[in-house]
Amino acid sequence: MSLDVYLEKTMLTDVYSAKITHNLGSMAKEAGIYSYLWRPDEIGITRAHELIAPLTEAVKLMESNPGRFKAHNPPNGWGDYEGFLRWIKEYLDACKENPGAEIKVSR
């Protein structure tokens, strides 16, 4: 017989991180996902799985009418429709791969 003693702790780690310019806020509003992306804490969204449905719908909407969203390309050239759509898809994939991950944003 033996006494086994362990000290363990769980280390938090980022499973995904990305940045996007605030210049695309208008496009996010047009797609209906501004609060989901920029202010999830204010609408009670805390876990990645809660973003899957709204981001999926936004991608479909944006792909169905690119001109509607390109009209929101920032005039200063910082950010555009194509880059934002790609960014959303990558974020969506990360949410699907890590559905229990806690969402943190820094504005």
C-alpha atoms as a PDB file:
ATOM      1  CA  MET A   1       0.000   0.000   0.000  1.00  0.00           C
ATOM      2  CA  SER A   2       1.103   3.523  -0.588  1.00  0.00           C
ATOM      3  CA  LEU A   3       0.019   7.063  -0.159  1.00  0.00           C
ATOM      4  CA  ASP A   4      -0.144   8.916  -3.451  1.00  0.00           C
ATOM      5  CA  VAL A   5      -0.263  12.698  -3.217  1.00  0.00           C
ATOM      6  CA  TYR A   6      -0.865  15.021  -6.162  1.00  0.00           C
ATOM      7  CA  LEU A   7      -1.103  18.742  -6.581  1.00  0.00           C
ATOM      8  CA  GLU A   8      -2.904  19.619  -9.783  1.00  0.00           C
ATOM      9  CA  LYS A   9      -4.249  22.765 -11.302  1.00  0.00           C
ATOM     10  CA  THR A  10      -5.984  23.547 -14.529  1.00  0.00           C
ATOM     11  CA  MET A  11      -4.270  26.161 -16.603  1.00  0.00           C
ATOM     12  CA  LEU A  12      -6.449  28.341 -18.763  1.00  0.00           C
ATOM     13  CA  THR A  13      -5.220  28.648 -22.305  1.00  0.00           C
ATOM     14  CA  ASP A  14      -6.450  30.468 -25.373  1.00  0.00           C
ATOM     15  CA  VAL A  15      -7.748  28.110 -28.019  1.00  0.00           C
ATOM     16  CA  TYR A  16      -8.335  30.914 -30.524  1.00  0.00           C
ATOM     17  CA  SER A  17      -7.642  34.604 -30.810  1.00  0.00           C
ATOM     18  CA  ALA A  18      -8.105  37.123 -33.594  1.00  0.00           C
ATOM     19  CA  LYS A  19      -8.355  40.848 -34.156  1.00  0.00           C
ATOM     20  CA  ILE A  20     -10.573  42.857 -36.462  1.00  0.00           C
ATOM     21  CA  THR A  21     -10.853  46.577 -36.992  1.00  0.00           C
ATOM     22  CA  HIS A  22     -13.660  48.582 -35.428  1.00  0.00           C
ATOM     23  CA  ASN A  23     -14.142  50.068 -38.899  1.00  0.00           C
ATOM     24  CA  LEU A  24     -16.201  46.977 -39.747  1.00  0.00           C
ATOM     25  CA  GLY A  25     -18.762  47.613 -37.012  1.00  0.00           C
ATOM     26  CA  SER A  26     -21.231  49.041 -39.518  1.00  0.00           C
ATOM     27  CA  MET A  27     -20.995  45.899 -41.634  1.00  0.00           C
ATOM     28  CA  ALA A  28     -21.456  43.734 -38.549  1.00  0.00           C
ATOM     29  CA  LYS A  29     -24.598  45.705 -37.667  1.00  0.00           C
ATOM     30  CA  GLU A  30     -25.923  45.220 -41.199  1.00  0.00           C
ATOM     31  CA  ALA A  31     -25.330  41.458 -40.805  1.00  0.00           C
ATOM     32  CA  GLY A  32     -27.067  41.448 -37.402  1.00  0.00           C
ATOM     33  CA  ILE A  33     -24.007  40.290 -35.465  1.00  0.00           C
ATOM     34  CA  TYR A  34     -22.485  43.437 -34.005  1.00  0.00           C
ATOM     35  CA  SER A  35     -23.529  42.618 -30.430  1.00  0.00           C
ATOM     36  CA  TYR A  36     -22.480  38.987 -30.818  1.00  0.00           C
ATOM     37  CA  LEU A  37     -18.991  40.038 -31.877  1.00  0.00           C
ATOM     38  CA  TRP A  38     -18.282  43.290 -30.062  1.00  0.00           C
ATOM     39  CA  ARG A  39     -20.521  43.038 -26.978  1.00  0.00           C
ATOM     40  CA  PRO A  40     -21.412  39.405 -26.220  1.00  0.00           C
ATOM     41  CA  ASP A  41     -21.221  40.083 -22.476  1.00  0.00           C
ATOM     42  CA  GLU A  42     -24.000  42.668 -22.772  1.00  0.00           C
ATOM     43  CA  ILE A  43     -26.404  40.174 -24.373  1.00  0.00           C
ATOM     44  CA  GLY A  44     -25.592  37.229 -22.107  1.00  0.00           C
ATOM     45  CA  ILE A  45     -23.376  35.307 -24.547  1.00  0.00           C
ATOM     46  CA  THR A  46     -20.565  33.573 -22.673  1.00  0.00           C
ATOM     47  CA  ARG A  47     -19.685  30.344 -24.530  1.00  0.00           C
ATOM     48  CA  ALA A  48     -18.532  29.683 -28.079  1.00  0.00           C
ATOM     49  CA  HIS A  49     -21.452  27.383 -28.900  1.00  0.00           C
ATOM     50  CA  GLU A  50     -23.791  30.354 -28.466  1.00  0.00           C
ATOM     51  CA  LEU A  51     -22.164  32.080 -31.443  1.00  0.00           C
ATOM     52  CA  ILE A  52     -22.525  29.204 -33.897  1.00  0.00           C
ATOM     53  CA  ALA A  53     -26.094  29.921 -35.031  1.00  0.00           C
ATOM     54  CA  PRO A  54     -25.818  33.716 -35.372  1.00  0.00           C
ATOM     55  CA  LEU A  55     -22.465  33.563 -37.154  1.00  0.00           C
ATOM     56  CA  THR A  56     -23.722  30.836 -39.492  1.00  0.00           C
ATOM     57  CA  GLU A  57     -26.731  32.964 -40.409  1.00  0.00           C
ATOM     58  CA  ALA A  58     -24.552  36.039 -40.912  1.00  0.00           C
ATOM     59  CA  VAL A  59     -22.251  34.160 -43.289  1.00  0.00           C
ATOM     60  CA  LYS A  60     -25.241  32.982 -45.345  1.00  0.00           C
ATOM     61  CA  LEU A  61     -26.680  36.493 -45.446  1.00  0.00           C
ATOM     62  CA  MET A  62     -23.391  38.116 -46.386  1.00  0.00           C
ATOM     63  CA  GLU A  63     -22.669  35.569 -49.103  1.00  0.00           C
ATOM     64  CA  SER A  64     -26.166  35.915 -50.565  1.00  0.00           C
ATOM     65  CA  ASN A  65     -25.817  39.663 -51.170  1.00  0.00           C
ATOM     66  CA  PRO A  66     -22.188  40.834 -51.248  1.00  0.00           C
ATOM     67  CA  GLY A  67     -23.060  44.258 -52.663  1.00  0.00           C
ATOM     68  CA  ARG A  68     -25.198  45.060 -49.648  1.00  0.00           C
ATOM     69  CA  PHE A  69     -22.207  44.519 -47.382  1.00  0.00           C
ATOM     70  CA  LYS A  70     -19.503  45.917 -49.639  1.00  0.00           C
ATOM     71  CA  ALA A  71     -21.391  49.205 -49.386  1.00  0.00           C
ATOM     72  CA  HIS A  72     -20.148  49.229 -45.765  1.00  0.00           C
ATOM     73  CA  ASN A  73     -16.467  48.917 -46.692  1.00  0.00           C
ATOM     74  CA  PRO A  74     -14.685  51.630 -44.688  1.00  0.00           C
ATOM     75  CA  PRO A  75     -13.704  54.612 -46.836  1.00  0.00           C
ATOM     76  CA  ASN A  76     -10.256  54.711 -45.229  1.00  0.00           C
ATOM     77  CA  GLY A  77      -9.473  51.228 -46.580  1.00  0.00           C
ATOM     78  CA  TRP A  78      -8.921  49.633 -43.163  1.00  0.00           C
ATOM     79  CA  GLY A  79     -11.021  46.482 -43.474  1.00  0.00           C
ATOM     80  CA  ASP A  80     -13.281  45.187 -46.218  1.00  0.00           C
ATOM     81  CA  TYR A  81     -16.077  42.730 -46.972  1.00  0.00           C
ATOM     82  CA  GLU A  82     -13.826  39.878 -48.099  1.00  0.00           C
ATOM     83  CA  GLY A  83     -11.540  40.090 -45.086  1.00  0.00           C
ATOM     84  CA  PHE A  84     -14.409  40.398 -42.644  1.00  0.00           C
ATOM     85  CA  LEU A  85     -16.269  37.434 -44.125  1.00  0.00           C
ATOM     86  CA  ARG A  86     -13.092  35.334 -43.949  1.00  0.00           C
ATOM     87  CA  TRP A  87     -12.567  36.462 -40.319  1.00  0.00           C
ATOM     88  CA  ILE A  88     -16.141  35.497 -39.373  1.00  0.00           C
ATOM     89  CA  LYS A  89     -15.759  32.064 -40.986  1.00  0.00           C
ATOM     90  CA  GLU A  90     -12.524  31.431 -39.098  1.00  0.00           C
ATOM     91  CA  TYR A  91     -14.147  32.515 -35.826  1.00  0.00           C
ATOM     92  CA  LEU A  92     -17.136  30.280 -36.571  1.00  0.00           C
ATOM     93  CA  ASP A  93     -14.847  27.302 -37.222  1.00  0.00           C
ATOM     94  CA  ALA A  94     -13.070  27.966 -33.914  1.00  0.00           C
ATOM     95  CA  CYS A  95     -16.425  28.090 -32.112  1.00  0.00           C
ATOM     96  CA  LYS A  96     -17.422  24.754 -33.637  1.00  0.00           C
ATOM     97  CA  GLU A  97     -14.096  23.188 -32.646  1.00  0.00           C
ATOM     98  CA  ASN A  98     -14.284  24.598 -29.082  1.00  0.00           C
ATOM     99  CA  PRO A  99     -17.983  24.912 -28.217  1.00  0.00           C
ATOM    100  CA  GLY A 100     -17.428  25.086 -24.459  1.00  0.00           C
ATOM    101  CA  ALA A 101     -14.771  27.787 -24.640  1.00  0.00           C
ATOM    102  CA  GLU A 102     -15.466  30.961 -22.725  1.00  0.00           C
ATOM    103  CA  ILE A 103     -15.724  34.095 -24.844  1.00  0.00           C
ATOM    104  CA  LYS A 104     -13.599  37.076 -23.888  1.00  0.00           C
ATOM    105  CA  VAL A 105     -13.463  40.318 -25.850  1.00  0.00           C
ATOM    106  CA  SER A 106     -11.364  43.422 -25.471  1.00  0.00           C
ATOM    107  CA  ARG A 107     -12.710  46.584 -26.996  1.00  0.00           C
END
